[in-house]
Amino acid sequence: QVQLEESGGGLVQDGGSLRLSCAASAPTRSIFHMGWFRQAPGKEREFVATITWNENRVAYADSVKGRFTISRDNAKNTLYLQMNSLQPADTAVYYCAASIIVVPTTTMKPPRTSYEYDYWGQGTQVTVSS
């Protein structure tokens, strides 16, 4: 069982920055990819960014590429999302997610679809005002 708790959301002006964090509580020796998704009112949940268990690979949605940076600190079991040049279109509830790995390899690709993830946080609201 993996528990995830997001923090760092809030209200920011167009062009501003925020840093989201996601603290993971997991059994010892658990290995998992992690990702960020978001859901705006009236829209489906969408992929934002993902990072492999060993931090070897990352992937971003086209809409955030060049503005957002995903990272993780495995020693602290924490996932981050640095969001710069925020736009009103980025307004959404942001969720972190974990994808459990049974047999880790160094060539794994980070998962980009929600069904590949096993655990989800409760979400944190990000609002960008124009």
Foldseek 3Di string as FASTA:
>chain_A
DKAKAKDWADEAAQQAKIKMKIAIDDPPPWFWKKFKWWDDPPGDIFGAKIAHRVRPDMDGDPVQPPFKDWDDDVVRRMIMIIGGSDDQVPWTWMKMFIATDDDDDPPDDTDGDPVRTDDMYPTDTHGYHD
